[in-house]
Amino acid sequence: MTVLGKCLVLANLALSVMLAATALGLYANRIDWTNSKATGDGSSGLLTQRSDRIKQLSDALALALLRYEDARTKLLSVEDYRGKTIAYYGNQFDQILTKADSAHPIHQIIGNGLVPASNPAGGPLVSRDKIVNLLQEQKNKIARLNEELDKLVKEDIQVTKELADDRGLRQQVMDQQAEQDRLDQAIEQLKPRLINSIVEVDLLLQRQQDLLSREEELKKAKVARAEP
């Protein structure tokens, strides 16, 4: 026998041993495709395992379907409520932005009812646009007052300049005051003369009255002598 023949025989022997070991392993660890039940330490057949799995999944599917139907019913109810609340709060949002006025003020939810919202500034709480308009009116009013204030400040500056001028109002007032003081002094100086004049007039009037009385007496005496 040649060397090649010996090698081929050894190769055939090795291959046979390998195939025999593979066949033995497959036999010892074969897959049980039947629906046999588990016995002792052995496991059940693959068909039984798949059937049990299908049953478990079927039960879970039935429970999931029940939950799905219940959730779907609740979802439809919630979606219907959601649509109504969207419309309601959309209207409330429009009310807050543009529509609310003193007759229909903004409301807030307290408990299960609506009450007028509190306004820190007092009175009913109106819409944002009306508040913006009121704010703009106040700004315009403030601007007008600022213009009037600037005008008054300019007038005050002009008056101050006139008062500070040499022949301005202040100097004129001072001149008038000096003239008034001079007149008061002249009046004080004339008061004694005035009193003397009054006394002299009184004396003259008294003298005149005495003369008139004397004249009347003389007339009466003359008439008395003229009678028989």
Protein backbone atom coordinates (compact mmCIF):
# COMPACT_ATOMS: atom_id res chain seq x y z
CA MET A 1 0.00 0.00 0.00
CA THR A 2 1.38 3.31 -0.96
CA VAL A 3 1.66 6.34 1.27
CA LEU A 4 -1.17 8.05 -0.55
CA GLY A 5 -3.46 5.14 0.10
CA LYS A 6 -2.62 5.21 3.77
CA CYS A 7 -3.37 8.92 3.98
CA LEU A 8 -6.68 8.49 2.27
CA VAL A 9 -7.63 5.68 4.65
CA LEU A 10 -6.73 7.81 7.66
CA ALA A 11 -8.67 10.73 6.25
CA ASN A 12 -11.68 8.55 5.64
CA LEU A 13 -11.44 7.23 9.21
CA ALA A 14 -11.25 10.73 10.67
CA LEU A 15 -14.16 11.95 8.56
CA SER A 16 -16.22 8.95 9.59
CA VAL A 17 -15.53 9.61 13.25
CA MET A 18 -16.50 13.27 12.86
CA LEU A 19 -19.73 12.45 11.08
CA ALA A 20 -20.55 9.81 13.67
CA ALA A 21 -20.00 12.31 16.50
CA THR A 22 -22.17 14.88 14.70
CA ALA A 23 -24.94 12.33 14.24
CA LEU A 24 -24.73 11.32 17.89
CA GLY A 25 -24.95 14.99 18.98
CA LEU A 26 -27.94 15.63 16.77
CA TYR A 27 -29.67 12.59 18.11
CA ALA A 28 -28.94 13.46 21.73
CA ASN A 29 -30.05 17.13 21.33
CA ARG A 30 -32.72 16.77 18.73
CA ILE A 31 -35.65 19.24 18.57
CA ASP A 32 -38.96 17.80 19.67
CA TRP A 33 -41.40 19.08 17.08
CA THR A 34 -44.34 17.16 18.52
CA ASN A 35 -47.11 18.26 20.88
CA SER A 36 -45.90 16.02 23.69
CA LYS A 37 -46.27 17.20 27.27
CA ALA A 38 -43.36 17.83 29.59
CA THR A 39 -42.36 14.74 31.60
CA GLY A 40 -39.85 14.68 34.46
CA ASP A 41 -36.85 16.76 33.59
CA GLY A 42 -37.73 16.81 29.92
CA SER A 43 -39.31 19.76 28.25
CA SER A 44 -42.53 19.73 26.28
CA GLY A 45 -42.62 19.51 22.53
CA LEU A 46 -42.06 22.60 20.45
CA LEU A 47 -45.62 22.50 19.12
CA THR A 48 -46.93 22.45 22.70
CA GLN A 49 -44.72 25.39 23.61
CA ARG A 50 -45.93 27.37 20.59
CA SER A 51 -49.56 26.51 21.41
CA ASP A 52 -49.13 27.67 25.01
CA ARG A 53 -47.51 30.87 23.76
CA ILE A 54 -50.36 31.48 21.34
CA LYS A 55 -52.87 30.97 24.16
CA GLN A 56 -51.03 33.44 26.38
CA LEU A 57 -50.90 35.97 23.58
CA SER A 58 -54.59 35.41 22.80
CA ASP A 59 -55.53 36.10 26.43
CA ALA A 60 -53.33 39.20 26.46
CA LEU A 61 -54.87 40.29 23.13
CA ALA A 62 -58.40 39.91 24.51
CA LEU A 63 -57.49 41.98 27.57
CA ALA A 64 -55.76 44.55 25.36
CA LEU A 65 -58.85 44.74 23.12
CA LEU A 66 -61.06 45.34 26.14
CA ARG A 67 -58.74 48.06 27.33
CA TYR A 68 -58.55 49.48 23.82
CA GLU A 69 -62.33 49.65 23.47
CA ASP A 70 -62.67 51.25 26.90
CA ALA A 71 -59.85 53.73 26.12
CA ARG A 72 -61.37 54.43 22.68
CA THR A 73 -64.75 55.21 24.24
CA LYS A 74 -63.13 57.49 26.79
CA LEU A 75 -61.00 59.09 24.07
CA LEU A 76 -64.07 59.90 21.97
CA SER A 77 -65.76 61.41 25.02
CA VAL A 78 -62.63 63.39 25.89
CA GLU A 79 -62.23 64.56 22.29
CA ASP A 80 -65.84 65.73 22.24
CA TYR A 81 -65.27 67.58 25.53
CA ARG A 82 -61.99 68.92 24.15
CA GLY A 83 -63.77 70.37 21.12
CA LYS A 84 -66.32 72.07 23.35
CA THR A 85 -63.66 73.42 25.69
CA ILE A 86 -61.59 74.68 22.73
CA ALA A 87 -64.61 76.63 21.48
CA TYR A 88 -65.42 77.86 25.00
CA TYR A 89 -61.90 78.95 25.86
CA GLY A 90 -61.48 80.42 22.39
CA ASN A 91 -64.50 82.59 23.12
CA GLN A 92 -63.06 83.44 26.54
CA PHE A 93 -59.74 84.29 24.91
CA ASP A 94 -61.49 86.63 22.46
CA GLN A 95 -63.36 88.09 25.43
CA ILE A 96 -60.09 88.78 27.21
CA LEU A 97 -58.44 90.27 24.12
CA THR A 98 -61.15 92.37 22.49
CA LYS A 99 -64.73 91.90 23.71
CA ALA A 100 -64.83 92.43 27.48
CA ASP A 101 -66.20 95.78 28.65
CA SER A 102 -67.73 97.22 31.80
CA ALA A 103 -71.11 95.62 31.01
CA HIS A 104 -69.54 92.22 30.19
CA PRO A 105 -66.28 92.06 32.19
CA ILE A 106 -63.74 89.26 32.27
CA HIS A 107 -64.67 86.31 34.51
CA GLN A 108 -62.58 83.72 36.30
CA ILE A 109 -63.43 80.12 37.21
CA ILE A 110 -63.85 79.48 40.93
CA GLY A 111 -65.11 76.04 41.81
CA ASN A 112 -67.80 75.15 39.31
CA GLY A 113 -68.89 78.71 38.58
CA LEU A 114 -67.77 81.95 36.99
CA VAL A 115 -67.26 85.15 38.96
CA PRO A 116 -66.02 88.55 37.75
CA ALA A 117 -62.25 88.72 37.83
CA SER A 118 -60.75 91.07 40.40
CA ASN A 119 -59.22 94.29 39.14
CA PRO A 120 -56.41 95.75 41.29
CA ALA A 121 -57.22 99.19 39.89
CA GLY A 122 -60.87 98.84 40.90
CA GLY A 123 -63.97 98.43 38.77
CA PRO A 124 -64.65 95.68 36.21
CA LEU A 125 -61.75 94.09 34.37
CA VAL A 126 -62.08 94.94 30.66
CA SER A 127 -60.33 93.49 27.60
CA ARG A 128 -56.69 93.94 26.71
CA ASP A 129 -57.47 96.16 23.72
CA LYS A 130 -59.60 98.50 25.84
CA ILE A 131 -56.86 98.65 28.47
CA VAL A 132 -54.34 99.45 25.73
CA ASN A 133 -56.65 102.19 24.42
CA LEU A 134 -57.07 103.60 27.93
CA LEU A 135 -53.32 103.48 28.39
CA GLN A 136 -52.81 105.29 25.08
CA GLU A 137 -55.35 107.93 26.12
CA GLN A 138 -53.48 108.41 29.39
CA LYS A 139 -50.20 108.69 27.47
CA ASN A 140 -51.74 111.30 25.17
CA LYS A 141 -53.10 113.18 28.18
CA ILE A 142 -49.69 113.06 29.86
CA ALA A 143 -48.10 114.31 26.63
CA ARG A 144 -50.54 117.24 26.49
CA LEU A 145 -49.89 118.04 30.14
CA ASN A 146 -46.15 117.91 29.47
CA GLU A 147 -46.60 120.34 26.59
CA GLU A 148 -48.63 122.67 28.82
CA LEU A 149 -46.00 122.31 31.54
CA ASP A 150 -43.22 123.16 29.09
CA LYS A 151 -45.20 126.19 27.96
CA LEU A 152 -45.70 127.32 31.56
CA VAL A 153 -42.02 126.76 32.31
CA LYS A 154 -41.07 128.92 29.34
CA GLU A 155 -43.50 131.60 30.48
CA ASP A 156 -42.06 131.39 33.99
CA ILE A 157 -38.55 131.75 32.59
CA GLN A 158 -39.65 134.78 30.58
CA VAL A 159 -41.32 136.35 33.62
CA THR A 160 -38.22 135.65 35.69
CA LYS A 161 -36.08 137.39 33.08
CA GLU A 162 -38.45 140.36 33.06
CA LEU A 163 -38.35 140.52 36.85
CA ALA A 164 -34.56 140.35 36.86
CA ASP A 165 -34.22 143.14 34.24
CA ASP A 166 -33.16 146.67 35.35
CA ARG A 167 -36.48 148.14 34.21
CA GLY A 168 -38.41 144.97 34.60
CA LEU A 169 -41.46 144.28 36.69
CA ARG A 170 -39.43 143.87 39.86
CA GLN A 171 -37.82 147.28 39.40
CA GLN A 172 -41.19 148.80 38.62
CA VAL A 173 -42.64 147.24 41.77
CA MET A 174 -39.74 148.60 43.77
CA ASP A 175 -40.27 152.07 42.25
CA GLN A 176 -43.97 151.94 43.04
CA GLN A 177 -43.17 150.86 46.58
CA ALA A 178 -40.73 153.74 46.98
CA GLU A 179 -43.34 156.18 45.62
CA GLN A 180 -45.89 154.73 48.02
CA ASP A 181 -43.48 155.17 50.92
CA ARG A 182 -42.86 158.78 49.86
CA LEU A 183 -46.59 159.44 49.72
CA ASP A 184 -47.07 157.83 53.14
CA GLN A 185 -44.38 160.09 54.56
CA ALA A 186 -46.05 163.13 52.99
CA ILE A 187 -49.39 162.09 54.46
CA GLU A 188 -47.82 161.68 57.88
CA GLN A 189 -46.34 165.14 57.58
CA LEU A 190 -49.69 166.65 56.55
CA LYS A 191 -51.69 164.98 59.31
CA PRO A 192 -50.90 167.67 61.96
CA ARG A 193 -51.81 170.42 59.52
CA LEU A 194 -55.00 168.60 58.67
CA ILE A 195 -55.88 168.34 62.34
CA ASN A 196 -55.17 172.03 62.85
CA SER A 197 -57.27 172.88 59.82
CA ILE A 198 -60.13 170.78 61.16
CA VAL A 199 -59.90 172.51 64.56
CA GLU A 200 -59.82 175.93 62.89
CA VAL A 201 -62.83 175.03 60.77
CA ASP A 202 -64.67 173.89 63.88
CA LEU A 203 -63.80 177.15 65.62
CA LEU A 204 -64.94 179.17 62.62
CA LEU A 205 -68.18 177.23 62.46
CA GLN A 206 -68.73 177.80 66.16
CA ARG A 207 -67.95 181.51 65.70
CA GLN A 208 -70.37 181.66 62.79
CA GLN A 209 -73.04 179.99 64.90
CA ASP A 210 -72.45 182.53 67.70
CA LEU A 211 -72.69 185.42 65.24
CA LEU A 212 -75.91 184.11 63.82
CA SER A 213 -77.33 183.74 67.30
CA ARG A 214 -76.26 187.30 68.14
CA GLU A 215 -77.83 188.58 64.95
CA GLU A 216 -81.12 186.93 65.83
CA GLU A 217 -81.03 188.49 69.30
CA LEU A 218 -80.37 191.93 67.84
CA LYS A 219 -83.23 191.54 65.39
CA LYS A 220 -85.59 190.59 68.21
CA ALA A 221 -84.42 193.51 70.34
CA LYS A 222 -84.92 195.97 67.45
CA VAL A 223 -88.41 194.66 66.83
CA ALA A 224 -89.23 195.00 70.51
CA ARG A 225 -88.14 198.67 70.60
CA ALA A 226 -90.05 199.45 67.47
CA GLU A 227 -93.37 198.36 69.00
CA PRO A 228 -95.37 201.14 70.99
